[in-house]
């Protein structure tokens, strides 16, 4: 019985770990740009809590997307976790 439970517990831990880290981790632009269009949408930014909250202020041209340059400003100006 215990041997059957251990893999399930490990799978749950591994699956939940990235979500717990998303608020403080510094993701790369490429890791957030899931569709590889060279922009990060609000939906793509939702993977990282801090980026999601800051998205509107980072989108300086107000096109609803973050360019690599806008994202670089976020990475440069964000304090280390």
N, C-alpha and C. Protein backbone atom coordinates (compact mmCIF):
# COMPACT_ATOMS: atom_id res chain seq x y z
N UNK A 1 0.83 -1.20 0.00
CA UNK A 1 0.00 0.00 0.00
C UNK A 1 0.87 1.26 0.00
N UNK A 2 1.86 1.31 0.87
CA UNK A 2 2.71 2.50 0.96
C UNK A 2 3.49 2.68 -0.33
N UNK A 3 3.95 1.61 -0.93
CA UNK A 3 4.70 1.73 -2.19
C UNK A 3 3.84 2.32 -3.29
N UNK A 4 2.54 2.10 -3.22
CA UNK A 4 1.64 2.66 -4.23
C UNK A 4 1.41 4.14 -4.01
N UNK A 5 1.50 4.61 -2.79
CA UNK A 5 1.23 6.01 -2.45
C UNK A 5 2.43 6.90 -2.74
N UNK A 6 3.63 6.42 -2.57
CA UNK A 6 4.83 7.24 -2.72
C UNK A 6 4.93 7.87 -4.11
N UNK A 7 4.75 7.14 -5.21
CA UNK A 7 4.83 7.81 -6.52
C UNK A 7 3.78 8.90 -6.71
N UNK A 8 2.60 8.69 -6.15
CA UNK A 8 1.55 9.70 -6.27
C UNK A 8 1.94 10.96 -5.51
N UNK A 9 2.46 10.82 -4.33
CA UNK A 9 2.88 11.97 -3.52
C UNK A 9 4.02 12.70 -4.21
N UNK A 10 4.97 11.97 -4.74
CA UNK A 10 6.09 12.60 -5.45
C UNK A 10 5.59 13.35 -6.69
N UNK A 11 4.67 12.77 -7.42
CA UNK A 11 4.13 13.43 -8.61
C UNK A 11 3.41 14.72 -8.24
N UNK A 12 2.67 14.71 -7.16
CA UNK A 12 1.98 15.93 -6.71
C UNK A 12 2.97 16.99 -6.30
N UNK A 13 4.03 16.63 -5.62
CA UNK A 13 5.04 17.58 -5.18
C UNK A 13 5.74 18.22 -6.38
N UNK A 14 6.13 17.42 -7.34
CA UNK A 14 6.84 17.93 -8.52
C UNK A 14 5.92 18.84 -9.33
N UNK A 15 4.66 18.50 -9.44
CA UNK A 15 3.71 19.31 -10.20
C UNK A 15 3.43 20.63 -9.51
N UNK A 16 3.35 20.65 -8.20
CA UNK A 16 3.01 21.86 -7.45
C UNK A 16 4.20 22.79 -7.26
N UNK A 17 5.40 22.29 -7.30
CA UNK A 17 6.58 23.10 -7.01
C UNK A 17 6.73 24.31 -7.92
N UNK A 18 6.60 24.21 -9.24
CA UNK A 18 6.75 25.40 -10.08
C UNK A 18 5.71 26.48 -9.78
N UNK A 19 4.51 26.10 -9.45
CA UNK A 19 3.47 27.08 -9.14
C UNK A 19 3.83 27.87 -7.89
N UNK A 20 4.39 27.21 -6.92
CA UNK A 20 4.77 27.89 -5.69
C UNK A 20 5.90 28.88 -5.94
N UNK A 21 6.76 28.59 -6.89
CA UNK A 21 7.91 29.44 -7.17
C UNK A 21 7.59 30.58 -8.12
N UNK A 22 6.45 30.53 -8.78
CA UNK A 22 6.20 31.49 -9.86
C UNK A 22 6.19 32.94 -9.41
N UNK A 23 5.87 33.20 -8.15
CA UNK A 23 5.82 34.57 -7.69
C UNK A 23 7.18 35.23 -7.56
N UNK A 24 8.20 34.47 -7.18
CA UNK A 24 9.48 35.08 -6.92
C UNK A 24 10.55 34.79 -7.95
N UNK A 25 10.33 33.80 -8.77
CA UNK A 25 11.34 33.42 -9.74
C UNK A 25 11.40 34.44 -10.89
N UNK A 26 12.56 34.51 -11.52
CA UNK A 26 12.74 35.39 -12.67
C UNK A 26 12.73 34.54 -13.93
N UNK A 27 11.59 34.44 -14.58
CA UNK A 27 11.53 33.62 -15.79
C UNK A 27 12.23 34.32 -16.95
N UNK A 28 12.63 33.55 -17.92
CA UNK A 28 13.21 34.14 -19.12
C UNK A 28 12.08 34.54 -20.06
N UNK A 29 12.36 35.48 -20.94
CA UNK A 29 11.39 35.91 -21.94
C UNK A 29 10.96 34.71 -22.78
N UNK A 30 11.91 33.90 -23.19
CA UNK A 30 11.63 32.75 -24.04
C UNK A 30 10.74 31.74 -23.34
N UNK A 31 10.93 31.54 -22.03
CA UNK A 31 10.09 30.56 -21.32
C UNK A 31 8.65 31.04 -21.18
N UNK A 32 8.44 32.34 -21.17
CA UNK A 32 7.08 32.89 -21.07
C UNK A 32 6.40 32.98 -22.43
N UNK A 33 7.17 33.19 -23.48
CA UNK A 33 6.62 33.33 -24.83
C UNK A 33 6.27 31.95 -25.38
N UNK A 34 5.19 31.39 -24.90
CA UNK A 34 4.81 30.01 -25.21
C UNK A 34 4.55 29.77 -26.69
N UNK A 35 4.01 30.75 -27.40
CA UNK A 35 3.70 30.55 -28.82
C UNK A 35 4.82 31.08 -29.73
N UNK A 36 5.92 31.49 -29.15
CA UNK A 36 7.12 31.93 -29.89
C UNK A 36 6.84 33.02 -30.92
N UNK A 37 5.97 33.97 -30.55
CA UNK A 37 5.67 35.06 -31.47
C UNK A 37 6.51 36.31 -31.21
N UNK A 38 7.44 36.22 -30.25
CA UNK A 38 8.29 37.36 -29.94
C UNK A 38 7.66 38.35 -29.00
N UNK A 39 6.52 38.00 -28.42
CA UNK A 39 5.80 38.86 -27.46
C UNK A 39 5.29 38.00 -26.32
N UNK A 40 5.07 38.61 -25.17
CA UNK A 40 4.46 37.92 -24.03
C UNK A 40 3.09 38.55 -23.80
N UNK A 41 2.05 37.74 -23.93
CA UNK A 41 0.69 38.22 -23.71
C UNK A 41 0.37 38.19 -22.22
N UNK A 42 -0.75 38.78 -21.86
CA UNK A 42 -1.19 38.76 -20.46
C UNK A 42 -1.41 37.32 -20.01
N UNK A 43 -1.97 36.49 -20.86
CA UNK A 43 -2.19 35.08 -20.51
C UNK A 43 -0.86 34.36 -20.28
N UNK A 44 0.13 34.64 -21.11
CA UNK A 44 1.44 34.03 -20.93
C UNK A 44 2.11 34.56 -19.67
N UNK A 45 1.92 35.83 -19.37
CA UNK A 45 2.52 36.44 -18.18
C UNK A 45 1.90 35.90 -16.89
N UNK A 46 0.69 35.37 -16.98
CA UNK A 46 -0.01 34.87 -15.79
C UNK A 46 0.74 33.72 -15.12
N UNK A 47 1.72 33.15 -15.81
CA UNK A 47 2.54 32.09 -15.23
C UNK A 47 3.37 32.60 -14.05
N UNK A 48 3.64 33.90 -14.03
CA UNK A 48 4.46 34.50 -12.99
C UNK A 48 3.66 35.60 -12.31
N UNK A 49 3.37 35.42 -11.02
CA UNK A 49 2.50 36.34 -10.29
C UNK A 49 2.97 37.79 -10.35
N UNK A 50 4.26 38.03 -10.09
CA UNK A 50 4.78 39.40 -10.06
C UNK A 50 4.69 40.05 -11.44
N UNK A 51 5.01 39.30 -12.48
CA UNK A 51 4.93 39.84 -13.83
C UNK A 51 3.48 40.14 -14.20
N UNK A 52 2.58 39.25 -13.83
CA UNK A 52 1.16 39.45 -14.11
C UNK A 52 0.66 40.75 -13.48
N UNK A 53 1.04 40.99 -12.24
CA UNK A 53 0.61 42.20 -11.53
C UNK A 53 1.21 43.45 -12.19
N UNK A 54 2.45 43.37 -12.63
CA UNK A 54 3.13 44.53 -13.21
C UNK A 54 2.86 44.72 -14.70
N UNK A 55 2.18 43.78 -15.33
CA UNK A 55 2.03 43.75 -16.78
C UNK A 55 1.56 45.08 -17.38
N UNK A 56 0.51 45.65 -16.85
CA UNK A 56 -0.08 46.86 -17.43
C UNK A 56 0.92 48.02 -17.43
N UNK A 57 1.67 48.17 -16.36
CA UNK A 57 2.64 49.26 -16.30
C UNK A 57 3.86 48.98 -17.18
N UNK A 58 4.17 47.73 -17.41
CA UNK A 58 5.31 47.38 -18.26
C UNK A 58 5.01 47.53 -19.74
N UNK A 59 3.74 47.40 -20.09
CA UNK A 59 3.31 47.51 -21.49
C UNK A 59 3.28 48.99 -21.87
N UNK A 60 4.44 49.55 -22.11
CA UNK A 60 4.56 51.00 -22.31
C UNK A 60 3.87 51.51 -23.58
N UNK A 61 3.79 50.67 -24.61
CA UNK A 61 3.10 51.11 -25.84
C UNK A 61 1.62 50.73 -25.84
N UNK A 62 1.16 50.12 -24.76
CA UNK A 62 -0.26 49.79 -24.54
C UNK A 62 -0.86 48.95 -25.66
N UNK A 63 -0.07 47.99 -26.18
CA UNK A 63 -0.60 47.11 -27.22
C UNK A 63 -1.12 45.78 -26.66
N UNK A 64 -1.07 45.63 -25.34
CA UNK A 64 -1.55 44.40 -24.71
C UNK A 64 -0.55 43.26 -24.76
N UNK A 65 0.69 43.56 -25.13
CA UNK A 65 1.75 42.56 -25.23
C UNK A 65 3.04 43.17 -24.70
N UNK A 66 3.90 42.31 -24.18
CA UNK A 66 5.23 42.77 -23.77
C UNK A 66 6.24 42.38 -24.83
N UNK A 67 6.97 43.35 -25.33
CA UNK A 67 8.07 43.08 -26.25
C UNK A 67 9.28 42.64 -25.43
N UNK A 68 10.30 42.18 -26.11
CA UNK A 68 11.54 41.79 -25.43
C UNK A 68 12.12 42.98 -24.68
N UNK A 69 12.00 44.18 -25.26
CA UNK A 69 12.54 45.39 -24.62
C UNK A 69 11.75 45.74 -23.36
N UNK A 70 10.44 45.66 -23.43
CA UNK A 70 9.61 45.95 -22.26
C UNK A 70 9.88 44.93 -21.16
N UNK A 71 10.05 43.67 -21.53
CA UNK A 71 10.34 42.63 -20.55
C UNK A 71 11.72 42.83 -19.94
N UNK A 72 12.68 43.27 -20.74
CA UNK A 72 14.04 43.52 -20.24
C UNK A 72 14.02 44.60 -19.17
N UNK A 73 13.18 45.60 -19.34
CA UNK A 73 13.07 46.65 -18.33
C UNK A 73 12.54 46.07 -17.02
N UNK A 74 11.61 45.14 -17.11
CA UNK A 74 11.08 44.45 -15.92
C UNK A 74 12.19 43.66 -15.23
N UNK A 75 12.96 42.91 -16.01
CA UNK A 75 14.03 42.11 -15.43
C UNK A 75 15.10 43.00 -14.80
N UNK A 76 15.39 44.11 -15.43
CA UNK A 76 16.43 45.04 -14.93
C UNK A 76 15.99 45.74 -13.65
N UNK A 77 14.72 46.15 -13.61
CA UNK A 77 14.23 46.97 -12.50
C UNK A 77 13.66 46.18 -11.34
N UNK A 78 13.37 44.89 -11.53
CA UNK A 78 12.76 44.07 -10.48
C UNK A 78 13.83 43.71 -9.45
N UNK A 79 13.54 43.93 -8.17
CA UNK A 79 14.51 43.53 -7.13
C UNK A 79 14.67 42.01 -7.11
N UNK A 80 15.83 41.53 -6.70
CA UNK A 80 16.06 40.09 -6.59
C UNK A 80 15.14 39.51 -5.54
N UNK A 81 14.72 38.26 -5.80
CA UNK A 81 13.83 37.57 -4.86
C UNK A 81 14.59 37.09 -3.66
